[in-house]
Structure formats: structure tokens, C-alpha cells
Amino acid sequence: MKDPVGSFEAIKDNFIRYVKTAFKTKFDSVESEREVLLNEDKVLFRQPWIEPLPEYLSSGKTIDSLTANDLPGLNEVHAKTFKGLVSRGLVKGYELHSHQSQMLKQALSGKNCIITSGTGSGKTESFLLPLFAQLSKELSTWSQPDVISQNVDNWWNGNLSMREIVDAENDFTLAKGVQQRGHETRPQAMRAMILYPMNALVEDQMTRLRIALDSDPVREWFENNTVGNKITFGRYNGTTPVAGKLFKLNEQGNREVNTSKLNTLRRELQSIERNQSKVEEY
């Protein structure tokens, strides 16, 4: 903000103008007394407090200028993959803060790290950079995925049979032909977990992850550099509509497809698709 005091005065004047207009009286003396009160500290507003803060110490290095010494444990291929990935969405061409580069180096050295810098200091990048660096080690070695099934993005709207949707012989999971990632050939695993104490903290982070891993520049980079592999992520909390396997026990104690659970999943995906269509139309 280039003019915090001017912005404060403009907001204050707008509120006072609203009060005087919406609740105007015909008595000049009342209007004058109210004018004085409305411009008095602790009545409608508080005088702004401005705290000057020094700039965070720069490392003097961008992502592209990081050396092997800054990225312990990453060989040349890993480092190239890491730099290409994070420079497309997570971190642009600006210089890293000193604490960001230190966090990256220490974490890659095997240290358990805590970042406690102030607001706006890039704490998100501080813990995501080491995470992305570790993922880059594997990303550069993953084999090319198979062809994606034509039912992956529409099975909830089609006429597939229950057997085509749920694999009862494979622990009642979604059949491979309708799984979002059923075409992948890399080893399946959850490679990282980010834990938050409150959902409110997650929203901004989800936006950051979408920019870092699912924005157009990153998608293009994946397509051209990782033989079609991507780093995927998801959110799991108490409002996740369908969790676990898609079976229930019948009266005989045998497992069968839980149609209620499957239909709930179908409705959720249909709702997401409708919302996405509205966004694209808008």
C-alpha cells in the first residue's frame, strides 16, 4: 500500500458521509454536534497505528541460481526438475529470502525444521520448497503413464454397470477404468501430508497449491518434461462426502456394493461438474 494514511482517511470519510446521508436530520445543531463526534477518535474509528518493519534479508539468489551446495541430496537431474517445477507456479523469478533458502538447505540435509518468521515472509514457500524438492527426486524417474480411459471424466453421467464402476474383486474400490489415476504406472503412494489445525487456514493454501501444481504454466511444464506424469493433491477433512471402500455387509454377513455410498459419490461429482460448467460459462 503506497498511501496507508490517505487510504484510511478516504475510508473514514466515506463512512461518515454515509451516516450523514442515511440518517440526516433537519436540525443544524444536531448535524454539527454529530459531525464533531464522528470525527473523534474512539467513536466511529481509531487512529491508525503504523508499524515500520525492515525488509527480510535476501539470500541474493533466485531459484534458477541455486547451486548444488544449496540443494544437498539432489543430483543434476533432480535439481533441474525441481527448478523447472517450482519456477512455473510456486516461486517466480524473485530472490528468495535468506530464511527460505536456509530452510531448503537444512531440510534437504535431513534436519527437522521449524519456520517462525512474520506475516508475509513467505512461510508457505519455506516449507513447500523442501517438499517439492523431495518430490522432484521421484518425479524425474517415473515411467510414462498408459492411455487414459474414456470413462474417467464422465462415468457418473453414463450408463456403466455396477461391475464396470466398482471392482468387487479388488477390495471394492473403483474399477481401474473409472479411476482418475488408474492409467498411471508409477508406484502408488501418499508421498507427503500437510496438516492444518483449522479449515480456515486451508483455503489460502489450497489456492497456492492449485497455482503451484495445477495452473496452466505448470500443466504445460508437466506435459513437456515429465512424460505426462503430474503431482496430484487433495483435501481430506470432516466434510469429505465419501471415504473408504465402497462396500457394506448384507444380512448374511457378506460384502456387497454399497449403492447408497456410490450414489452419494455420483451426486457429488455431478455437482462439481455443474459448478465447473457454470464457472467456464461465466
Protein backbone atom coordinates (compact mmCIF):
# COMPACT_ATOMS: atom_id res chain seq x y z
CA MET A 1 0.00 0.00 0.00
CA LYS A 2 1.62 3.25 -1.15
CA ASP A 3 -0.53 5.65 0.89
CA PRO A 4 -1.88 3.99 4.07
CA VAL A 5 -2.82 7.28 5.76
CA GLY A 6 -4.61 8.55 2.68
CA SER A 7 -6.47 5.25 2.35
CA PHE A 8 -7.54 5.44 5.99
CA GLU A 9 -8.83 8.99 5.57
CA ALA A 10 -10.77 8.06 2.43
CA ILE A 11 -12.46 5.08 4.12
CA LYS A 12 -13.28 7.13 7.21
CA ASP A 13 -14.75 9.99 5.16
CA ASN A 14 -16.88 7.56 3.14
CA PHE A 15 -18.37 6.03 6.28
CA ILE A 16 -19.08 9.45 7.79
CA ARG A 17 -20.68 10.61 4.56
CA TYR A 18 -22.92 7.53 4.60
CA VAL A 19 -24.04 8.14 8.18
CA LYS A 20 -24.77 11.81 7.50
CA THR A 21 -26.70 10.97 4.33
CA ALA A 22 -28.68 7.95 5.53
CA PHE A 23 -29.57 9.45 8.91
CA LYS A 24 -29.80 13.15 8.09
CA THR A 25 -31.90 15.39 10.37
CA LYS A 26 -33.40 18.81 9.83
CA PHE A 27 -31.63 20.31 12.85
CA ASP A 28 -28.41 22.12 12.05
CA SER A 29 -27.20 21.96 15.65
CA VAL A 30 -27.61 18.16 15.77
CA GLU A 31 -25.79 17.81 12.46
CA SER A 32 -22.89 19.94 13.74
CA GLU A 33 -22.59 18.04 17.03
CA ARG A 34 -22.70 14.69 15.21
CA GLU A 35 -20.06 15.90 12.76
CA VAL A 36 -17.71 16.57 15.67
CA LEU A 37 -18.41 13.18 17.29
CA LEU A 38 -17.99 11.24 14.06
CA ASN A 39 -14.55 12.77 13.56
CA GLU A 40 -13.44 12.00 17.11
CA ASP A 41 -11.09 9.13 17.85
CA LYS A 42 -12.68 6.08 19.62
CA VAL A 43 -16.23 6.92 18.44
CA LEU A 44 -16.54 5.65 14.87
CA PHE A 45 -12.89 4.78 14.30
CA ARG A 46 -9.46 4.50 15.85
CA GLN A 47 -6.50 6.48 14.63
CA PRO A 48 -4.25 4.19 12.58
CA TRP A 49 -1.13 2.69 14.05
CA ILE A 50 1.69 2.22 11.56
CA GLU A 51 4.49 -0.19 12.34
CA PRO A 52 7.53 0.12 10.07
CA LEU A 53 9.27 -3.21 9.57
CA PRO A 54 12.66 -3.85 7.99
CA GLU A 55 12.73 -5.90 4.82
CA TYR A 56 13.52 -9.58 5.25
CA LEU A 57 17.12 -10.42 4.49
CA SER A 58 17.57 -11.60 0.92
CA SER A 59 19.57 -14.68 0.01
CA GLY A 60 20.69 -12.93 -3.16
CA LYS A 61 19.65 -16.00 -5.16
CA THR A 62 16.71 -16.88 -7.36
CA ILE A 63 15.54 -20.46 -7.85
CA ASP A 64 17.49 -20.71 -11.10
CA SER A 65 20.73 -19.54 -9.48
CA LEU A 66 20.68 -22.08 -6.63
CA THR A 67 23.82 -24.21 -6.67
CA ALA A 68 24.49 -27.81 -5.72
CA ASN A 69 25.58 -26.55 -2.31
CA ASP A 70 22.12 -25.04 -1.80
CA LEU A 71 20.42 -28.32 -2.77
CA PRO A 72 22.16 -31.13 -0.88
CA GLY A 73 20.98 -34.59 -1.86
CA LEU A 74 19.78 -33.51 -5.32
CA ASN A 75 21.80 -34.55 -8.33
CA GLU A 76 21.87 -32.53 -11.56
CA VAL A 77 18.69 -34.14 -12.95
CA HIS A 78 16.80 -33.72 -9.67
CA ALA A 79 17.86 -30.08 -9.41
CA LYS A 80 16.78 -29.33 -12.99
CA THR A 81 13.38 -30.94 -12.34
CA PHE A 82 12.95 -29.08 -9.07
CA LYS A 83 13.84 -25.69 -10.54
CA GLY A 84 11.59 -26.19 -13.53
CA LEU A 85 8.63 -27.21 -11.39
CA VAL A 86 8.73 -24.52 -8.71
CA SER A 87 9.57 -21.66 -11.10
CA ARG A 88 6.32 -22.21 -13.03
CA GLY A 89 3.94 -21.62 -10.15
CA LEU A 90 5.25 -21.70 -6.60
CA VAL A 91 8.11 -19.21 -6.87
CA LYS A 92 8.63 -16.77 -9.72
CA GLY A 93 11.86 -15.05 -10.66
CA TYR A 94 12.35 -13.02 -7.47
CA GLU A 95 15.16 -13.56 -4.99
CA LEU A 96 14.46 -15.93 -2.12
CA HIS A 97 14.58 -14.60 1.41
CA SER A 98 17.54 -15.82 3.41
CA HIS A 99 15.33 -17.88 5.73
CA GLN A 100 13.69 -19.58 2.73
CA SER A 101 16.98 -20.70 1.22
CA GLN A 102 18.26 -21.76 4.65
CA MET A 103 15.12 -23.79 5.29
CA LEU A 104 15.50 -25.51 1.92
CA LYS A 105 19.15 -26.38 2.52
CA GLN A 106 18.71 -27.58 6.09
CA ALA A 107 15.62 -29.68 5.29
CA LEU A 108 17.39 -31.34 2.36
CA SER A 109 20.30 -32.04 4.69
CA GLY A 110 17.99 -34.17 6.81
CA LYS A 111 17.25 -31.67 9.56
CA ASN A 112 13.84 -31.30 11.21
CA CYS A 113 12.99 -27.62 10.67
CA ILE A 114 10.62 -25.04 12.12
CA ILE A 115 9.90 -21.72 10.40
CA THR A 116 8.70 -18.88 12.67
CA SER A 117 9.08 -15.75 10.55
CA GLY A 118 6.49 -12.97 10.44
CA THR A 119 3.41 -12.35 8.35
CA GLY A 120 4.13 -12.03 4.64
CA SER A 121 7.60 -13.52 4.98
CA GLY A 122 6.98 -16.48 2.68
CA LYS A 123 6.47 -19.25 5.25
CA THR A 124 4.42 -21.22 2.72
CA GLU A 125 7.32 -21.30 0.27
CA SER A 126 9.67 -22.13 3.15
CA PHE A 127 8.01 -25.47 3.83
CA LEU A 128 6.79 -26.24 0.30
CA LEU A 129 10.18 -25.80 -1.36
CA PRO A 130 11.79 -28.72 0.55
CA LEU A 131 8.67 -30.80 -0.07
CA PHE A 132 8.76 -30.12 -3.82
CA ALA A 133 12.47 -30.86 -3.86
CA GLN A 134 11.87 -34.31 -2.38
CA LEU A 135 9.05 -34.96 -4.85
CA SER A 136 11.31 -33.91 -7.71
CA LYS A 137 13.69 -36.75 -6.90
CA GLU A 138 10.95 -39.25 -7.77
CA LEU A 139 9.24 -37.21 -10.46
CA SER A 140 12.28 -37.37 -12.70
CA THR A 141 12.26 -41.20 -12.57
CA TRP A 142 8.56 -42.01 -13.07
CA SER A 143 7.64 -44.09 -16.11
CA GLN A 144 5.23 -42.90 -18.78
CA PRO A 145 1.52 -43.38 -17.93
CA ASP A 146 -0.81 -45.52 -20.01
CA VAL A 147 -3.62 -44.09 -22.12
CA ILE A 148 -6.40 -42.52 -20.03
CA SER A 149 -9.72 -44.37 -20.10
CA GLN A 150 -12.56 -42.60 -21.91
CA ASN A 151 -14.81 -43.11 -18.85
CA VAL A 152 -12.58 -41.33 -16.34
CA ASP A 153 -14.25 -37.92 -16.59
CA ASN A 154 -17.84 -38.93 -17.21
CA TRP A 155 -18.65 -42.28 -15.56
CA TRP A 156 -21.03 -40.59 -13.11
CA ASN A 157 -23.22 -39.43 -16.03
CA GLY A 158 -23.12 -42.58 -18.16
CA ASN A 159 -24.81 -45.95 -18.25
CA LEU A 160 -21.98 -48.11 -16.93
CA SER A 161 -22.97 -51.18 -14.96
CA MET A 162 -22.16 -51.51 -11.28
CA ARG A 163 -19.50 -54.07 -12.14
CA GLU A 164 -17.82 -51.60 -14.51
CA ILE A 165 -17.71 -48.94 -11.79
CA VAL A 166 -16.80 -50.96 -8.68
CA ASP A 167 -14.14 -53.68 -8.63
CA ALA A 168 -15.59 -56.19 -6.16
CA GLU A 169 -12.59 -58.48 -6.59
CA ASN A 170 -10.14 -55.73 -5.64
CA ASP A 171 -11.48 -54.82 -2.20
CA PHE A 172 -14.48 -52.88 -3.57
CA THR A 173 -12.51 -49.91 -4.89
CA LEU A 174 -13.40 -48.01 -8.04
CA ALA A 175 -12.63 -50.04 -11.13
CA LYS A 176 -9.40 -49.07 -12.87
CA GLY A 177 -11.30 -47.83 -15.93
CA VAL A 178 -13.03 -45.07 -13.95
CA GLN A 179 -10.24 -44.14 -11.55
CA GLN A 180 -8.85 -40.65 -12.08
CA ARG A 181 -5.34 -42.05 -11.85
CA GLY A 182 -5.88 -45.62 -12.96
CA HIS A 183 -3.68 -45.07 -16.01
CA GLU A 184 -0.56 -44.19 -14.01
CA THR A 185 2.32 -46.67 -13.94
CA ARG A 186 4.42 -45.08 -11.19
CA PRO A 187 4.46 -46.62 -7.68
CA GLN A 188 1.28 -45.62 -5.85
CA ALA A 189 1.86 -43.79 -2.59
CA MET A 190 0.91 -40.80 -0.47
CA ARG A 191 4.22 -39.00 -0.55
CA ALA A 192 3.52 -36.02 1.69
CA MET A 193 0.96 -34.76 4.19
CA ILE A 194 0.32 -31.14 5.13
CA LEU A 195 -1.68 -30.84 8.36
CA TYR A 196 -3.63 -27.77 9.47
CA PRO A 197 -5.47 -27.20 12.77
CA MET A 198 -8.38 -25.31 11.17
CA ASN A 199 -10.16 -25.41 7.83
CA ALA A 200 -9.92 -21.61 7.59
CA LEU A 201 -6.16 -21.91 7.21
CA VAL A 202 -6.51 -24.38 4.38
CA GLU A 203 -8.34 -22.21 1.85
CA ASP A 204 -5.42 -19.92 1.05
CA GLN A 205 -3.08 -22.89 0.98
CA MET A 206 -5.32 -24.75 -1.46
CA THR A 207 -5.18 -21.74 -3.76
CA ARG A 208 -1.40 -21.74 -3.51
CA LEU A 209 -1.22 -25.46 -4.28
CA ARG A 210 -3.50 -25.07 -7.28
CA ILE A 211 -1.23 -22.34 -8.66
CA ALA A 212 1.89 -24.37 -7.86
CA LEU A 213 0.69 -27.72 -9.26
CA ASP A 214 -2.37 -27.21 -11.44
CA SER A 215 -2.11 -23.84 -13.19
CA ASP A 216 -1.72 -23.64 -16.97
CA PRO A 217 2.06 -22.98 -16.96
CA VAL A 218 2.65 -25.92 -14.62
CA ARG A 219 0.41 -28.24 -16.66
CA GLU A 220 2.36 -27.29 -19.78
CA TRP A 221 5.64 -27.96 -17.98
CA PHE A 222 4.43 -31.39 -16.82
CA GLU A 223 3.39 -32.25 -20.37
CA ASN A 224 6.78 -31.31 -21.82
CA ASN A 225 9.11 -32.55 -19.08
CA THR A 226 7.64 -35.47 -17.15
CA VAL A 227 6.32 -37.78 -19.92
CA GLY A 228 2.76 -36.98 -18.85
CA ASN A 229 3.15 -37.50 -15.10
CA LYS A 230 1.76 -34.97 -12.65
CA ILE A 231 1.95 -34.32 -8.93
CA THR A 232 -1.59 -34.57 -7.60
CA PHE A 233 -3.03 -33.36 -4.31
CA GLY A 234 -6.34 -33.44 -2.49
CA ARG A 235 -8.03 -32.26 0.68
CA TYR A 236 -9.39 -34.67 3.27
CA ASN A 237 -11.40 -33.41 6.25
CA GLY A 238 -14.63 -33.98 8.11
CA THR A 239 -16.75 -32.75 5.20
CA THR A 240 -15.29 -35.19 2.67
CA PRO A 241 -18.53 -36.83 1.43
CA VAL A 242 -17.37 -40.36 0.62
CA ALA A 243 -14.47 -42.08 2.35
CA GLY A 244 -13.23 -45.65 2.46
CA LYS A 245 -14.22 -48.72 0.48
CA LEU A 246 -17.48 -48.97 -1.47
CA PHE A 247 -18.98 -52.00 0.26
CA LYS A 248 -21.39 -52.94 3.05
CA LEU A 249 -22.28 -56.20 4.80
CA ASN A 250 -25.57 -57.80 3.81
CA GLU A 251 -27.83 -59.85 6.07
CA GLN A 252 -25.68 -62.93 5.51
CA GLY A 253 -22.57 -61.04 6.57
CA ASN A 254 -21.14 -60.96 3.07
CA ARG A 255 -19.74 -57.88 1.42
CA GLU A 256 -21.64 -56.26 -1.42
CA VAL A 257 -21.54 -52.93 -3.25
CA ASN A 258 -22.79 -50.06 -1.10
CA THR A 259 -25.07 -48.46 -3.67
CA SER A 260 -26.03 -45.63 -1.31
CA LYS A 261 -22.39 -44.64 -0.88
CA LEU A 262 -21.73 -44.95 -4.60
CA ASN A 263 -24.75 -42.80 -5.47
CA THR A 264 -23.58 -40.17 -2.97
CA LEU A 265 -20.23 -40.09 -4.75
CA ARG A 266 -22.01 -39.88 -8.11
CA ARG A 267 -24.12 -36.89 -6.97
CA GLU A 268 -21.07 -35.09 -5.58
CA LEU A 269 -19.20 -35.48 -8.86
CA GLN A 270 -22.24 -34.33 -10.84
CA SER A 271 -22.48 -31.25 -8.63
CA ILE A 272 -18.79 -30.48 -9.13
CA GLU A 273 -19.22 -30.85 -12.89
CA ARG A 274 -22.21 -28.48 -12.93
CA ASN A 275 -20.33 -25.88 -10.93
CA GLN A 276 -17.32 -26.18 -13.20
CA SER A 277 -19.54 -25.70 -16.25
CA LYS A 278 -21.04 -22.55 -14.70
CA VAL A 279 -17.58 -21.17 -13.99
CA GLU A 280 -16.47 -21.81 -17.58
CA GLU A 281 -19.69 -20.27 -18.93
CA TYR A 282 -19.24 -17.19 -16.76
